[in-house]
Amino acid sequence: MTLQEQYDDAMFDFSTAEYDRAIEKLKAILAEDPNCFDAQLSLGMAYYRKGDYTAAIAEGRKAEKLKPGEQLVHTNLSLFYMKAGDKGLAEHHGMQARISSWRSDKTKPGEAPKTDPDLEMAKPPPQTIKPPEKFPDMPWKKKS
């Protein structure tokens, strides 16, 4: 099976509340590809659903290392920390999630967000300005 098929199989187990089987399968995916972000993120959520908040936080932190600016990572960590009783870190990650939502995933801190040209507002056509045929008199000059 491909990694995607393995991931889909693990997510089926997750969706049917078979969290132990999902965890097992997600760990197998990560053993094969430690940089599989979706598997890492899902592993943290599987532990959370089992009620193992310490493991959920540990796996969530690993997902954060893979994609530090990802909104969903911080949303999950905020949830995990809140359930674990650490309100301060929960609020910190909640704020990080809000900040991440303000940027596109390709925008680095300090950069302006990239826009989709198809979604930009229509601009009016450029206007051509004709010079007047005769310039007005200059009232500040004395007539001779």
Protein backbone atom coordinates (compact mmCIF):
# COMPACT_ATOMS: atom_id res chain seq x y z
CA MET A 1 0.00 0.00 0.00
CA THR A 2 1.13 3.56 -0.67
CA LEU A 3 1.55 6.02 2.19
CA GLN A 4 -1.67 7.75 1.12
CA GLU A 5 -3.59 4.46 1.24
CA GLN A 6 -2.12 3.69 4.66
CA TYR A 7 -3.12 7.16 5.85
CA ASP A 8 -6.65 6.74 4.49
CA ASP A 9 -6.90 3.40 6.29
CA ALA A 10 -5.73 4.98 9.55
CA MET A 11 -8.24 7.81 9.14
CA PHE A 12 -11.03 5.27 8.64
CA ASP A 13 -10.10 3.71 11.98
CA PHE A 14 -9.99 7.18 13.54
CA SER A 15 -13.43 8.01 12.18
CA THR A 16 -14.87 4.81 13.67
CA ALA A 17 -13.33 5.62 17.08
CA GLU A 18 -10.74 2.83 16.78
CA TYR A 19 -8.07 5.16 18.14
CA ASP A 20 -5.55 2.47 19.18
CA ARG A 21 -5.55 0.97 15.67
CA ALA A 22 -5.32 4.44 14.12
CA ILE A 23 -2.38 5.31 16.38
CA GLU A 24 -0.62 2.09 15.41
CA LYS A 25 -1.09 2.80 11.69
CA LEU A 26 -0.09 6.46 11.98
CA LYS A 27 3.10 5.47 13.83
CA ALA A 28 3.90 3.00 11.02
CA ILE A 29 3.50 5.81 8.46
CA LEU A 30 5.78 8.09 10.49
CA ALA A 31 8.37 5.31 10.81
CA GLU A 32 8.46 5.18 7.01
CA ASP A 33 8.24 8.96 6.49
CA PRO A 34 8.99 11.05 9.61
CA ASN A 35 8.09 14.25 7.71
CA CYS A 36 4.51 13.20 6.92
CA PHE A 37 2.76 16.22 8.39
CA ASP A 38 -0.81 14.91 8.08
CA ALA A 39 0.06 11.69 9.90
CA GLN A 40 1.86 13.62 12.64
CA LEU A 41 -1.06 16.00 13.14
CA SER A 42 -3.57 13.14 13.14
CA LEU A 43 -1.51 11.16 15.63
CA GLY A 44 -1.78 14.01 18.13
CA MET A 45 -5.54 14.19 17.62
CA ALA A 46 -5.90 10.40 18.04
CA TYR A 47 -4.14 10.61 21.42
CA TYR A 48 -6.37 13.54 22.35
CA ARG A 49 -9.51 11.56 21.53
CA LYS A 50 -8.20 8.71 23.69
CA GLY A 51 -7.80 11.16 26.56
CA ASP A 52 -3.99 10.94 26.67
CA TYR A 53 -3.31 14.69 26.68
CA THR A 54 0.39 14.37 27.49
CA ALA A 55 1.01 12.23 24.41
CA ALA A 56 -1.26 14.49 22.33
CA ILE A 57 0.82 17.52 23.33
CA ALA A 58 4.09 15.70 22.55
CA GLU A 59 2.85 14.70 19.09
CA GLY A 60 1.40 18.16 18.51
CA ARG A 61 4.79 19.71 19.28
CA LYS A 62 6.37 17.40 16.67
CA ALA A 63 3.81 18.61 14.12
CA GLU A 64 4.69 22.19 15.10
CA LYS A 65 8.34 21.50 14.25
CA LEU A 66 7.29 20.29 10.79
CA LYS A 67 5.10 23.35 10.05
CA PRO A 68 5.56 26.07 12.69
CA GLY A 69 3.19 28.57 11.07
CA GLU A 70 0.30 26.17 10.42
CA GLN A 71 -2.97 27.37 11.94
CA LEU A 72 -4.34 23.87 12.63
CA VAL A 73 -1.23 22.89 14.61
CA HIS A 74 -1.73 25.78 17.02
CA THR A 75 -5.49 25.23 17.20
CA ASN A 76 -4.90 21.61 18.21
CA LEU A 77 -2.18 22.50 20.71
CA SER A 78 -4.45 25.10 22.27
CA LEU A 79 -7.14 22.44 22.69
CA PHE A 80 -4.67 19.88 24.07
CA TYR A 81 -3.20 22.30 26.61
CA MET A 82 -6.64 23.46 27.73
CA LYS A 83 -7.73 19.87 28.40
CA ALA A 84 -4.43 19.22 30.19
CA GLY A 85 -5.14 22.21 32.45
CA ASP A 86 -2.47 24.62 31.20
CA LYS A 87 -4.55 27.70 30.38
CA GLY A 88 -1.50 29.93 29.73
CA LEU A 89 -0.07 27.74 26.97
CA ALA A 90 -3.57 27.12 25.62
CA GLU A 91 -4.07 30.89 25.23
CA HIS A 92 -0.60 31.26 23.70
CA HIS A 93 -1.33 28.67 21.00
CA GLY A 94 -4.81 30.11 20.47
CA MET A 95 -3.18 33.46 19.69
CA GLN A 96 -0.64 31.76 17.41
CA ALA A 97 -3.53 30.13 15.54
CA ARG A 98 -5.19 33.52 15.04
CA ILE A 99 -1.93 35.05 13.82
CA SER A 100 -1.40 32.13 11.44
CA SER A 101 -4.87 32.66 9.99
CA TRP A 102 -3.94 36.21 9.01
CA ARG A 103 -1.17 35.01 6.73
CA SER A 104 -1.27 32.71 3.79
CA ASP A 105 0.89 29.63 4.17
CA LYS A 106 3.42 31.05 1.71
CA THR A 107 3.79 34.40 3.49
CA LYS A 108 6.71 34.86 5.82
CA PRO A 109 6.52 37.22 8.80
CA GLY A 110 6.93 40.81 7.62
CA GLU A 111 5.85 40.04 4.05
CA ALA A 112 2.65 41.34 2.52
CA PRO A 113 0.15 38.55 1.85
CA LYS A 114 0.04 37.25 -1.69
CA THR A 115 -3.23 37.84 -3.50
CA ASP A 116 -5.01 35.80 -6.11
CA PRO A 117 -5.42 37.93 -9.26
CA ASP A 118 -8.81 36.32 -9.90
CA LEU A 119 -10.08 37.62 -6.57
CA GLU A 120 -8.85 41.20 -6.90
CA MET A 121 -11.38 43.99 -7.30
CA ALA A 122 -11.87 45.33 -10.80
CA LYS A 123 -9.87 48.45 -11.49
CA PRO A 124 -11.38 51.31 -13.49
CA PRO A 125 -9.95 51.78 -16.96
CA PRO A 126 -7.25 54.45 -17.20
CA GLN A 127 -8.58 57.84 -18.18
CA THR A 128 -6.89 60.01 -20.74
CA ILE A 129 -6.80 63.66 -19.82
CA LYS A 130 -7.00 66.12 -22.69
CA PRO A 131 -5.17 69.37 -22.22
CA PRO A 132 -7.42 72.42 -22.55
CA GLU A 133 -7.42 74.08 -25.93
CA LYS A 134 -6.72 77.45 -24.41
CA PHE A 135 -5.02 77.98 -21.08
CA PRO A 136 -6.90 80.33 -18.73
CA ASP A 137 -5.69 83.81 -18.09
CA MET A 138 -3.38 84.35 -15.17
CA PRO A 139 -5.25 86.81 -12.93
CA TRP A 140 -2.24 87.54 -10.76
CA LYS A 141 -0.39 89.10 -13.69
CA LYS A 142 -1.13 92.68 -14.52
CA LYS A 143 -2.43 93.37 -17.93
CA SER A 144 -0.41 95.81 -19.93
